Amino acid sequence: MSAATASSEIDMRRSFGHGWSAIAALFVLTVRQHTHGRRLFVLGLLYLLPCALAILLRNIPKPADAESLEFALAFNLLPHGLAPLTALLYAAGVIQDEVEEQTLTYLLLRSVPRWALYLTKLLATLCVTSVLIAVATVALYLSIYWGTPQLWSVIVPTRLLYVVGIWTLAQLGYCALFGFIGLLTRRSLIGGVIYIVAIECILANINFVARSLTVVYYVRILLLRWLDWPADILRRFQRDWSIDLEAAPTAEQCVQRLVLSSVLLALLTALWFARREFRLKTPEG
């Protein structure tokens, strides 16, 4: 082996190692950005509202039963409201925040390909939002079932784990979607709220083939298929959600569709970001 060839291989290994080091640093930086600031404080307050409501409704003269609170708060408020809102507040700003804060130029100077830069920031966002929703879910279930025999025998060992896993799959879809919307328009928060209301809240409740395009539809099917419900409660959930499990996709199909569509959308958005030009302001004007 010639000296030139050996030197070239060493340079390639150094470049490869430096690239992974830069990606890791970018991941940590993004997580740090997401865990500081007003967004986390605001979301924390929003997460406390359903917990406070559950505690209040359990302590009135005619308390609501735990199953009804779970259905209303955990299976409707979280997937329709708090879960997509969390993803929207963070994923829509993956690139837009850097543009507004005039820091995108410094990110583009890193020895990381543009597409990898976007995917790294999106992955960090997914991790943060998934942890936030998991913590909110645990707090909500403790508020609903505290003091009941089901809490430690059924909820914590099995149901809570399944629910957190389903919410993580939902965050994968929401983060990919809102990351795309954040790159599509500067008014991403408005566009995201319109999507949540029109698609995830309204379209998902209409028994029509188009609701298979929503994240909530697959979340509901997974809740019905993965959790061990008594027959009467299962029939009630199917009736309220207008879902016929005999005609609905299997749990494996739901997971495949959520994961594949999310990964494909994230990759397409990353390639778009890699080719897109941004008009940036610099400190020098």
C-alpha atoms as a PDB file:
ATOM      1  CA  MET A   1       0.000   0.000   0.000  1.00  0.00           C
ATOM      2  CA  SER A   2       1.412   3.368  -1.000  1.00  0.00           C
ATOM      3  CA  ALA A   3       1.800   6.216   1.459  1.00  0.00           C
ATOM      4  CA  ALA A   4      -0.751   8.279  -0.477  1.00  0.00           C
ATOM      5  CA  THR A   5      -3.385   5.516  -0.245  1.00  0.00           C
ATOM      6  CA  ALA A   6      -2.797   5.018   3.484  1.00  0.00           C
ATOM      7  CA  SER A   7      -3.026   8.744   4.094  1.00  0.00           C
ATOM      8  CA  SER A   8      -6.293   8.890   2.134  1.00  0.00           C
ATOM      9  CA  GLU A   9      -7.837   6.057   4.190  1.00  0.00           C
ATOM     10  CA  ILE A  10      -6.798   7.727   7.432  1.00  0.00           C
ATOM     11  CA  ASP A  11      -8.355  11.005   6.294  1.00  0.00           C
ATOM     12  CA  MET A  12     -11.592   9.180   5.395  1.00  0.00           C
ATOM     13  CA  ARG A  13     -11.757   7.534   8.820  1.00  0.00           C
ATOM     14  CA  ARG A  14     -11.135  10.857  10.531  1.00  0.00           C
ATOM     15  CA  SER A  15     -13.808  12.514   8.416  1.00  0.00           C
ATOM     16  CA  PHE A  16     -16.295   9.735   9.192  1.00  0.00           C
ATOM     17  CA  GLY A  17     -15.599   9.925  12.921  1.00  0.00           C
ATOM     18  CA  HIS A  18     -15.800  13.702  12.915  1.00  0.00           C
ATOM     19  CA  GLY A  19     -19.138  13.533  11.094  1.00  0.00           C
ATOM     20  CA  TRP A  20     -20.654  11.260  13.739  1.00  0.00           C
ATOM     21  CA  SER A  21     -19.236  13.492  16.459  1.00  0.00           C
ATOM     22  CA  ALA A  22     -20.878  16.528  14.861  1.00  0.00           C
ATOM     23  CA  ILE A  23     -24.212  14.666  14.576  1.00  0.00           C
ATOM     24  CA  ALA A  24     -24.057  13.668  18.237  1.00  0.00           C
ATOM     25  CA  ALA A  25     -23.263  17.241  19.254  1.00  0.00           C
ATOM     26  CA  LEU A  26     -26.162  18.526  17.148  1.00  0.00           C
ATOM     27  CA  PHE A  27     -28.512  15.978  18.739  1.00  0.00           C
ATOM     28  CA  VAL A  28     -27.500  17.053  22.255  1.00  0.00           C
ATOM     29  CA  LEU A  29     -27.771  20.729  21.309  1.00  0.00           C
ATOM     30  CA  THR A  30     -31.306  20.237  19.949  1.00  0.00           C
ATOM     31  CA  VAL A  31     -32.422  18.364  23.066  1.00  0.00           C
ATOM     32  CA  ARG A  32     -30.991  21.153  25.216  1.00  0.00           C
ATOM     33  CA  GLN A  33     -32.843  23.759  23.174  1.00  0.00           C
ATOM     34  CA  HIS A  34     -36.124  21.873  23.546  1.00  0.00           C
ATOM     35  CA  THR A  35     -35.790  21.392  27.299  1.00  0.00           C
ATOM     36  CA  HIS A  36     -35.253  25.087  27.992  1.00  0.00           C
ATOM     37  CA  GLY A  37     -37.609  27.929  27.303  1.00  0.00           C
ATOM     38  CA  ARG A  38     -41.233  28.928  27.600  1.00  0.00           C
ATOM     39  CA  ARG A  39     -42.648  26.132  25.444  1.00  0.00           C
ATOM     40  CA  LEU A  40     -41.804  23.499  28.044  1.00  0.00           C
ATOM     41  CA  PHE A  41     -43.343  25.624  30.809  1.00  0.00           C
ATOM     42  CA  VAL A  42     -46.538  26.201  28.823  1.00  0.00           C
ATOM     43  CA  LEU A  43     -46.851  22.512  27.958  1.00  0.00           C
ATOM     44  CA  GLY A  44     -46.303  21.590  31.601  1.00  0.00           C
ATOM     45  CA  LEU A  45     -49.258  23.753  32.577  1.00  0.00           C
ATOM     46  CA  LEU A  46     -51.391  22.222  29.833  1.00  0.00           C
ATOM     47  CA  TYR A  47     -50.481  18.710  31.004  1.00  0.00           C
ATOM     48  CA  LEU A  48     -51.597  19.586  34.533  1.00  0.00           C
ATOM     49  CA  LEU A  49     -55.098  20.582  33.400  1.00  0.00           C
ATOM     50  CA  PRO A  50     -56.443  17.053  32.648  1.00  0.00           C
ATOM     51  CA  CYS A  51     -54.793  15.773  35.835  1.00  0.00           C
ATOM     52  CA  ALA A  52     -56.495  18.475  37.884  1.00  0.00           C
ATOM     53  CA  LEU A  53     -59.792  17.794  36.107  1.00  0.00           C
ATOM     54  CA  ALA A  54     -59.540  14.061  36.841  1.00  0.00           C
ATOM     55  CA  ILE A  55     -58.837  14.699  40.520  1.00  0.00           C
ATOM     56  CA  LEU A  56     -61.731  17.162  40.714  1.00  0.00           C
ATOM     57  CA  LEU A  57     -64.220  14.824  39.047  1.00  0.00           C
ATOM     58  CA  ARG A  58     -63.185  11.963  41.319  1.00  0.00           C
ATOM     59  CA  ASN A  59     -63.852  14.017  44.452  1.00  0.00           C
ATOM     60  CA  ILE A  60     -67.248  15.563  43.722  1.00  0.00           C
ATOM     61  CA  PRO A  61     -70.341  14.234  45.583  1.00  0.00           C
ATOM     62  CA  LYS A  62     -71.178  11.954  42.645  1.00  0.00           C
ATOM     63  CA  PRO A  63     -67.707  11.034  41.369  1.00  0.00           C
ATOM     64  CA  ALA A  64     -67.099   9.932  37.799  1.00  0.00           C
ATOM     65  CA  ASP A  65     -65.895   6.369  37.346  1.00  0.00           C
ATOM     66  CA  ALA A  66     -62.287   5.803  36.358  1.00  0.00           C
ATOM     67  CA  GLU A  67     -63.131   4.146  33.032  1.00  0.00           C
ATOM     68  CA  SER A  68     -65.164   7.158  31.853  1.00  0.00           C
ATOM     69  CA  LEU A  69     -62.367   9.541  32.845  1.00  0.00           C
ATOM     70  CA  GLU A  70     -59.836   7.371  31.033  1.00  0.00           C
ATOM     71  CA  PHE A  71     -61.921   7.369  27.863  1.00  0.00           C
ATOM     72  CA  ALA A  72     -62.541  11.136  27.923  1.00  0.00           C
ATOM     73  CA  LEU A  73     -59.122  12.353  29.029  1.00  0.00           C
ATOM     74  CA  ALA A  74     -56.569   9.702  28.061  1.00  0.00           C
ATOM     75  CA  PHE A  75     -58.145   8.390  24.861  1.00  0.00           C
ATOM     76  CA  ASN A  76     -59.643  11.610  23.490  1.00  0.00           C
ATOM     77  CA  LEU A  77     -57.989  14.697  24.974  1.00  0.00           C
ATOM     78  CA  LEU A  78     -54.430  13.391  24.703  1.00  0.00           C
ATOM     79  CA  PRO A  79     -54.443  12.083  21.096  1.00  0.00           C
ATOM     80  CA  HIS A  80     -56.685  14.878  19.776  1.00  0.00           C
ATOM     81  CA  GLY A  81     -55.133  17.774  21.642  1.00  0.00           C
ATOM     82  CA  LEU A  82     -52.001  17.506  23.763  1.00  0.00           C
ATOM     83  CA  ALA A  83     -50.071  14.937  21.694  1.00  0.00           C
ATOM     84  CA  PRO A  84     -50.323  16.734  18.321  1.00  0.00           C
ATOM     85  CA  LEU A  85     -49.913  20.141  19.981  1.00  0.00           C
ATOM     86  CA  THR A  86     -46.665  19.016  21.616  1.00  0.00           C
ATOM     87  CA  ALA A  87     -45.319  17.771  18.286  1.00  0.00           C
ATOM     88  CA  LEU A  88     -46.451  20.954  16.546  1.00  0.00           C
ATOM     89  CA  LEU A  89     -44.746  23.312  18.996  1.00  0.00           C
ATOM     90  CA  TYR A  90     -41.421  21.507  18.649  1.00  0.00           C
ATOM     91  CA  ALA A  91     -41.296  19.853  15.212  1.00  0.00           C
ATOM     92  CA  ALA A  92     -42.627  22.825  13.261  1.00  0.00           C
ATOM     93  CA  GLY A  93     -39.700  24.870  14.521  1.00  0.00           C
ATOM     94  CA  VAL A  94     -36.952  22.365  13.715  1.00  0.00           C
ATOM     95  CA  ILE A  95     -35.695  24.629  10.931  1.00  0.00           C
ATOM     96  CA  GLN A  96     -37.911  27.707  11.251  1.00  0.00           C
ATOM     97  CA  ASP A  97     -36.599  28.512  14.736  1.00  0.00           C
ATOM     98  CA  GLU A  98     -33.034  28.470  13.419  1.00  0.00           C
ATOM     99  CA  VAL A  99     -34.028  30.840  10.600  1.00  0.00           C
ATOM    100  CA  GLU A 100     -35.771  33.276  12.940  1.00  0.00           C
ATOM    101  CA  GLU A 101     -32.919  33.205  15.451  1.00  0.00           C
ATOM    102  CA  GLN A 102     -30.367  33.669  12.642  1.00  0.00           C
ATOM    103  CA  THR A 103     -28.478  30.521  13.633  1.00  0.00           C
ATOM    104  CA  LEU A 104     -29.161  28.347  10.583  1.00  0.00           C
ATOM    105  CA  THR A 105     -26.018  29.687   8.879  1.00  0.00           C
ATOM    106  CA  TYR A 106     -23.840  28.325  11.691  1.00  0.00           C
ATOM    107  CA  LEU A 107     -25.556  24.930  11.517  1.00  0.00           C
ATOM    108  CA  LEU A 108     -24.955  24.723   7.780  1.00  0.00           C
ATOM    109  CA  LEU A 109     -21.249  25.326   8.378  1.00  0.00           C
ATOM    110  CA  ARG A 110     -20.986  22.082  10.348  1.00  0.00           C
ATOM    111  CA  SER A 111     -19.414  19.068   8.678  1.00  0.00           C
ATOM    112  CA  VAL A 112     -22.830  17.376   8.452  1.00  0.00           C
ATOM    113  CA  PRO A 113     -24.802  16.895   5.235  1.00  0.00           C
ATOM    114  CA  ARG A 114     -27.943  18.974   5.086  1.00  0.00           C
ATOM    115  CA  TRP A 115     -30.255  15.969   5.038  1.00  0.00           C
ATOM    116  CA  ALA A 116     -28.506  14.474   8.069  1.00  0.00           C
ATOM    117  CA  LEU A 117     -28.763  17.813   9.851  1.00  0.00           C
ATOM    118  CA  TYR A 118     -32.532  17.838   9.444  1.00  0.00           C
ATOM    119  CA  LEU A 119     -32.983  14.169  10.400  1.00  0.00           C
ATOM    120  CA  THR A 120     -30.804  14.598  13.495  1.00  0.00           C
ATOM    121  CA  LYS A 121     -32.825  17.561  14.715  1.00  0.00           C
ATOM    122  CA  LEU A 122     -36.076  15.744  13.942  1.00  0.00           C
ATOM    123  CA  LEU A 123     -34.921  12.633  15.831  1.00  0.00           C
ATOM    124  CA  ALA A 124     -34.007  14.741  18.860  1.00  0.00           C
ATOM    125  CA  THR A 125     -37.419  16.403  18.653  1.00  0.00           C
ATOM    126  CA  LEU A 126     -39.142  13.017  18.504  1.00  0.00           C
ATOM    127  CA  CYS A 127     -37.263  11.836  21.594  1.00  0.00           C
ATOM    128  CA  VAL A 128     -38.153  14.956  23.590  1.00  0.00           C
ATOM    129  CA  THR A 129     -41.839  14.992  22.628  1.00  0.00           C
ATOM    130  CA  SER A 130     -42.197  11.254  23.265  1.00  0.00           C
ATOM    131  CA  VAL A 131     -40.750  11.622  26.755  1.00  0.00           C
ATOM    132  CA  LEU A 132     -43.006  14.603  27.483  1.00  0.00           C
ATOM    133  CA  ILE A 133     -46.132  12.738  26.390  1.00  0.00           C
ATOM    134  CA  ALA A 134     -45.047   9.656  28.364  1.00  0.00           C
ATOM    135  CA  VAL A 135     -44.637  11.717  31.533  1.00  0.00           C
ATOM    136  CA  ALA A 136     -47.988  13.431  30.938  1.00  0.00           C
ATOM    137  CA  THR A 137     -49.661  10.035  30.404  1.00  0.00           C
ATOM    138  CA  VAL A 138     -48.212   8.561  33.595  1.00  0.00           C
ATOM    139  CA  ALA A 139     -49.325  11.609  35.597  1.00  0.00           C
ATOM    140  CA  LEU A 140     -52.819  11.448  34.094  1.00  0.00           C
ATOM    141  CA  TYR A 141     -53.254   7.731  34.830  1.00  0.00           C
ATOM    142  CA  LEU A 142     -52.092   8.218  38.406  1.00  0.00           C
ATOM    143  CA  SER A 143     -54.647  11.019  38.775  1.00  0.00           C
ATOM    144  CA  ILE A 144     -57.431   8.822  37.364  1.00  0.00           C
ATOM    145  CA  TYR A 145     -56.712   5.508  39.091  1.00  0.00           C
ATOM    146  CA  TRP A 146     -54.977   6.501  42.340  1.00  0.00           C
ATOM    147  CA  GLY A 147     -56.479   4.606  45.249  1.00  0.00           C
ATOM    148  CA  THR A 148     -58.131   1.980  43.054  1.00  0.00           C
ATOM    149  CA  PRO A 149     -57.130  -1.706  43.050  1.00  0.00           C
ATOM    150  CA  GLN A 150     -56.632  -1.631  39.253  1.00  0.00           C
ATOM    151  CA  LEU A 151     -53.726   0.818  39.435  1.00  0.00           C
ATOM    152  CA  TRP A 152     -50.989  -1.629  40.446  1.00  0.00           C
ATOM    153  CA  SER A 153     -52.604  -4.830  39.186  1.00  0.00           C
ATOM    154  CA  VAL A 154     -53.684  -3.788  35.673  1.00  0.00           C
ATOM    155  CA  ILE A 155     -52.832  -0.185  34.778  1.00  0.00           C
ATOM    156  CA  VAL A 156     -49.140   0.159  35.624  1.00  0.00           C
ATOM    157  CA  PRO A 157     -47.920  -3.349  34.635  1.00  0.00           C
ATOM    158  CA  THR A 158     -49.713  -3.579  31.267  1.00  0.00           C
ATOM    159  CA  ARG A 159     -52.120  -0.910  30.045  1.00  0.00           C
ATOM    160  CA  LEU A 160     -49.900   2.097  30.755  1.00  0.00           C
ATOM    161  CA  LEU A 161     -46.972   0.534  28.884  1.00  0.00           C
ATOM    162  CA  TYR A 162     -49.108  -0.143  25.825  1.00  0.00           C
ATOM    163  CA  VAL A 163     -50.597   3.360  25.874  1.00  0.00           C
ATOM    164  CA  VAL A 164     -47.173   5.021  26.116  1.00  0.00           C
ATOM    165  CA  GLY A 165     -45.959   2.868  23.211  1.00  0.00           C
ATOM    166  CA  ILE A 166     -48.959   3.892  21.102  1.00  0.00           C
ATOM    167  CA  TRP A 167     -48.396   7.573  21.894  1.00  0.00           C
ATOM    168  CA  THR A 168     -44.754   7.195  20.823  1.00  0.00           C
ATOM    169  CA  LEU A 169     -45.892   5.850  17.454  1.00  0.00           C
ATOM    170  CA  ALA A 170     -48.281   8.798  17.193  1.00  0.00           C
ATOM    171  CA  GLN A 171     -45.454  11.233  17.920  1.00  0.00           C
ATOM    172  CA  LEU A 172     -43.448   9.686  15.099  1.00  0.00           C
ATOM    173  CA  GLY A 173     -46.244  10.529  12.680  1.00  0.00           C
ATOM    174  CA  TYR A 174     -46.948  13.969  14.107  1.00  0.00           C
ATOM    175  CA  CYS A 175     -43.297  15.054  14.216  1.00  0.00           C
ATOM    176  CA  ALA A 176     -42.708  13.989  10.603  1.00  0.00           C
ATOM    177  CA  LEU A 177     -45.861  15.787   9.500  1.00  0.00           C
ATOM    178  CA  PHE A 178     -45.290  19.029  11.385  1.00  0.00           C
ATOM    179  CA  GLY A 179     -41.624  19.055  10.405  1.00  0.00           C
ATOM    180  CA  PHE A 180     -42.816  19.069   6.787  1.00  0.00           C
ATOM    181  CA  ILE A 181     -45.363  21.822   7.490  1.00  0.00           C
ATOM    182  CA  GLY A 182     -42.661  23.851   9.246  1.00  0.00           C
ATOM    183  CA  LEU A 183     -40.577  23.761   6.099  1.00  0.00           C
ATOM    184  CA  LEU A 184     -43.584  24.380   3.859  1.00  0.00           C
ATOM    185  CA  THR A 185     -44.781  27.637   5.410  1.00  0.00           C
ATOM    186  CA  ARG A 186     -43.575  30.282   7.821  1.00  0.00           C
ATOM    187  CA  ARG A 187     -47.041  30.259   9.436  1.00  0.00           C
ATOM    188  CA  SER A 188     -46.551  26.673  10.527  1.00  0.00           C
ATOM    189  CA  LEU A 189     -48.328  27.055  13.868  1.00  0.00           C
ATOM    190  CA  ILE A 190     -51.499  28.300  12.173  1.00  0.00           C
ATOM    191  CA  GLY A 191     -51.291  25.592   9.526  1.00  0.00           C
ATOM    192  CA  GLY A 192     -50.647  22.956  12.187  1.00  0.00           C
ATOM    193  CA  VAL A 193     -53.607  24.013  14.320  1.00  0.00           C
ATOM    194  CA  ILE A 194     -55.858  23.947  11.248  1.00  0.00           C
ATOM    195  CA  TYR A 195     -54.623  20.432  10.466  1.00  0.00           C
ATOM    196  CA  ILE A 196     -55.222  19.226  14.036  1.00  0.00           C
ATOM    197  CA  VAL A 197     -58.776  20.583  14.149  1.00  0.00           C
ATOM    198  CA  ALA A 198     -59.849  19.724  10.603  1.00  0.00           C
ATOM    199  CA  ILE A 199     -58.093  16.383  10.133  1.00  0.00           C
ATOM    200  CA  GLU A 200     -57.301  14.794  13.494  1.00  0.00           C
ATOM    201  CA  CYS A 201     -60.396  16.045  15.339  1.00  0.00           C
ATOM    202  CA  ILE A 202     -63.107  16.168  12.643  1.00  0.00           C
ATOM    203  CA  LEU A 203     -62.110  13.886   9.769  1.00  0.00           C
ATOM    204  CA  ALA A 204     -60.972  11.117  12.127  1.00  0.00           C
ATOM    205  CA  ASN A 205     -64.489  10.944  13.586  1.00  0.00           C
ATOM    206  CA  ILE A 206     -66.228  10.552  10.211  1.00  0.00           C
ATOM    207  CA  ASN A 207     -66.745   6.960   9.099  1.00  0.00           C
ATOM    208  CA  PHE A 208     -65.204   7.504   5.684  1.00  0.00           C
ATOM    209  CA  VAL A 209     -62.207   6.042   3.895  1.00  0.00           C
ATOM    210  CA  ALA A 210     -60.297   9.353   4.101  1.00  0.00           C
ATOM    211  CA  ARG A 211     -59.894   9.015   7.854  1.00  0.00           C
ATOM    212  CA  SER A 212     -57.311   6.319   7.175  1.00  0.00           C
ATOM    213  CA  LEU A 213     -55.014   9.266   6.416  1.00  0.00           C
ATOM    214  CA  THR A 214     -55.158  10.433  10.047  1.00  0.00           C
ATOM    215  CA  VAL A 215     -52.868   9.405  12.878  1.00  0.00           C
ATOM    216  CA  VAL A 216     -55.733   9.190  15.383  1.00  0.00           C
ATOM    217  CA  TYR A 217     -57.481   6.488  13.352  1.00  0.00           C
ATOM    218  CA  TYR A 218     -54.570   4.076  13.756  1.00  0.00           C
ATOM    219  CA  VAL A 219     -54.060   5.097  17.376  1.00  0.00           C
ATOM    220  CA  ARG A 220     -57.655   4.126  18.150  1.00  0.00           C
ATOM    221  CA  ILE A 221     -57.377   0.773  16.397  1.00  0.00           C
ATOM    222  CA  LEU A 222     -54.217  -0.026  18.358  1.00  0.00           C
ATOM    223  CA  LEU A 223     -55.955   0.933  21.602  1.00  0.00           C
ATOM    224  CA  LEU A 224     -58.794  -1.421  20.752  1.00  0.00           C
ATOM    225  CA  ARG A 225     -56.595  -4.316  19.630  1.00  0.00           C
ATOM    226  CA  TRP A 226     -53.694  -4.167  22.088  1.00  0.00           C
ATOM    227  CA  LEU A 227     -55.534  -3.451  25.340  1.00  0.00           C
ATOM    228  CA  ASP A 228     -57.544  -6.143  27.098  1.00  0.00           C
ATOM    229  CA  TRP A 229     -61.019  -4.634  27.391  1.00  0.00           C
ATOM    230  CA  PRO A 230     -64.184  -6.203  28.802  1.00  0.00           C
ATOM    231  CA  ALA A 231     -66.653  -6.966  26.017  1.00  0.00           C
ATOM    232  CA  ASP A 232     -69.109  -4.201  26.978  1.00  0.00           C
ATOM    233  CA  ILE A 233     -66.428  -1.495  27.084  1.00  0.00           C
ATOM    234  CA  LEU A 234     -64.938  -2.717  23.788  1.00  0.00           C
ATOM    235  CA  ARG A 235     -68.344  -2.447  22.104  1.00  0.00           C
ATOM    236  CA  ARG A 236     -68.837   1.026  23.566  1.00  0.00           C
ATOM    237  CA  PHE A 237     -65.473   2.256  22.259  1.00  0.00           C
ATOM    238  CA  GLN A 238     -66.152   0.812  18.805  1.00  0.00           C
ATOM    239  CA  ARG A 239     -69.550   2.492  18.738  1.00  0.00           C
ATOM    240  CA  ASP A 240     -68.272   5.880  19.908  1.00  0.00           C
ATOM    241  CA  TRP A 241     -65.374   5.814  17.451  1.00  0.00           C
ATOM    242  CA  SER A 242     -67.366   4.199  14.604  1.00  0.00           C
ATOM    243  CA  ILE A 243     -64.763   1.470  14.157  1.00  0.00           C
ATOM    244  CA  ASP A 244     -65.556  -2.067  13.055  1.00  0.00           C
ATOM    245  CA  LEU A 245     -62.599  -4.204  14.088  1.00  0.00           C
ATOM    246  CA  GLU A 246     -63.519  -6.930  11.593  1.00  0.00           C
ATOM    247  CA  ALA A 247     -63.022  -4.495   8.718  1.00  0.00           C
ATOM    248  CA  ALA A 248     -60.256  -2.406  10.306  1.00  0.00           C
ATOM    249  CA  PRO A 249     -56.525  -2.986   9.694  1.00  0.00           C
ATOM    250  CA  THR A 250     -54.668  -5.364  11.984  1.00  0.00           C
ATOM    251  CA  ALA A 251     -52.345  -4.038  14.685  1.00  0.00           C
ATOM    252  CA  GLU A 252     -49.321  -4.990  12.580  1.00  0.00           C
ATOM    253  CA  GLN A 253     -50.698  -3.108   9.581  1.00  0.00           C
ATOM    254  CA  CYS A 254     -51.344  -0.027  11.723  1.00  0.00           C
ATOM    255  CA  VAL A 255     -47.773  -0.008  13.011  1.00  0.00           C
ATOM    256  CA  GLN A 256     -46.347  -0.577   9.525  1.00  0.00           C
ATOM    257  CA  ARG A 257     -48.393   2.224   7.992  1.00  0.00           C
ATOM    258  CA  LEU A 258     -47.550   4.707  10.737  1.00  0.00           C
ATOM    259  CA  VAL A 259     -43.826   3.929  10.691  1.00  0.00           C
ATOM    260  CA  LEU A 260     -43.365   3.666   6.914  1.00  0.00           C
ATOM    261  CA  SER A 261     -45.377   6.800   6.095  1.00  0.00           C
ATOM    262  CA  SER A 262     -43.582   8.784   8.811  1.00  0.00           C
ATOM    263  CA  VAL A 263     -40.102   7.658   7.743  1.00  0.00           C
ATOM    264  CA  LEU A 264     -40.881   8.322   4.074  1.00  0.00           C
ATOM    265  CA  LEU A 265     -42.216  11.816   4.828  1.00  0.00           C
ATOM    266  CA  ALA A 266     -39.200  12.599   7.018  1.00  0.00           C
ATOM    267  CA  LEU A 267     -36.785  11.463   4.293  1.00  0.00           C
ATOM    268  CA  LEU A 268     -38.579  13.491   1.595  1.00  0.00           C
ATOM    269  CA  THR A 269     -38.559  16.562   3.856  1.00  0.00           C
ATOM    270  CA  ALA A 270     -34.853  16.057   4.559  1.00  0.00           C
ATOM    271  CA  LEU A 271     -34.083  15.886   0.821  1.00  0.00           C
ATOM    272  CA  TRP A 272     -36.183  19.006   0.241  1.00  0.00           C
ATOM    273  CA  PHE A 273     -34.296  20.820   2.999  1.00  0.00           C
ATOM    274  CA  ALA A 274     -30.993  19.724   1.457  1.00  0.00           C
ATOM    275  CA  ARG A 275     -31.886  21.393  -1.864  1.00  0.00           C
ATOM    276  CA  ARG A 276     -33.743  24.427  -0.599  1.00  0.00           C
ATOM    277  CA  GLU A 277     -32.188  27.871  -0.417  1.00  0.00           C
ATOM    278  CA  PHE A 278     -32.905  30.091   2.592  1.00  0.00           C
ATOM    279  CA  ARG A 279     -32.809  33.862   2.792  1.00  0.00           C
ATOM    280  CA  LEU A 280     -30.982  34.534   5.995  1.00  0.00           C
ATOM    281  CA  LYS A 281     -30.165  37.649   7.942  1.00  0.00           C
ATOM    282  CA  THR A 282     -26.726  37.903   9.451  1.00  0.00           C
ATOM    283  CA  PRO A 283     -25.506  39.969  12.409  1.00  0.00           C
ATOM    284  CA  GLU A 284     -23.637  42.101   9.872  1.00  0.00           C
ATOM    285  CA  GLY A 285     -26.966  42.794   8.070  1.00  0.00           C
END
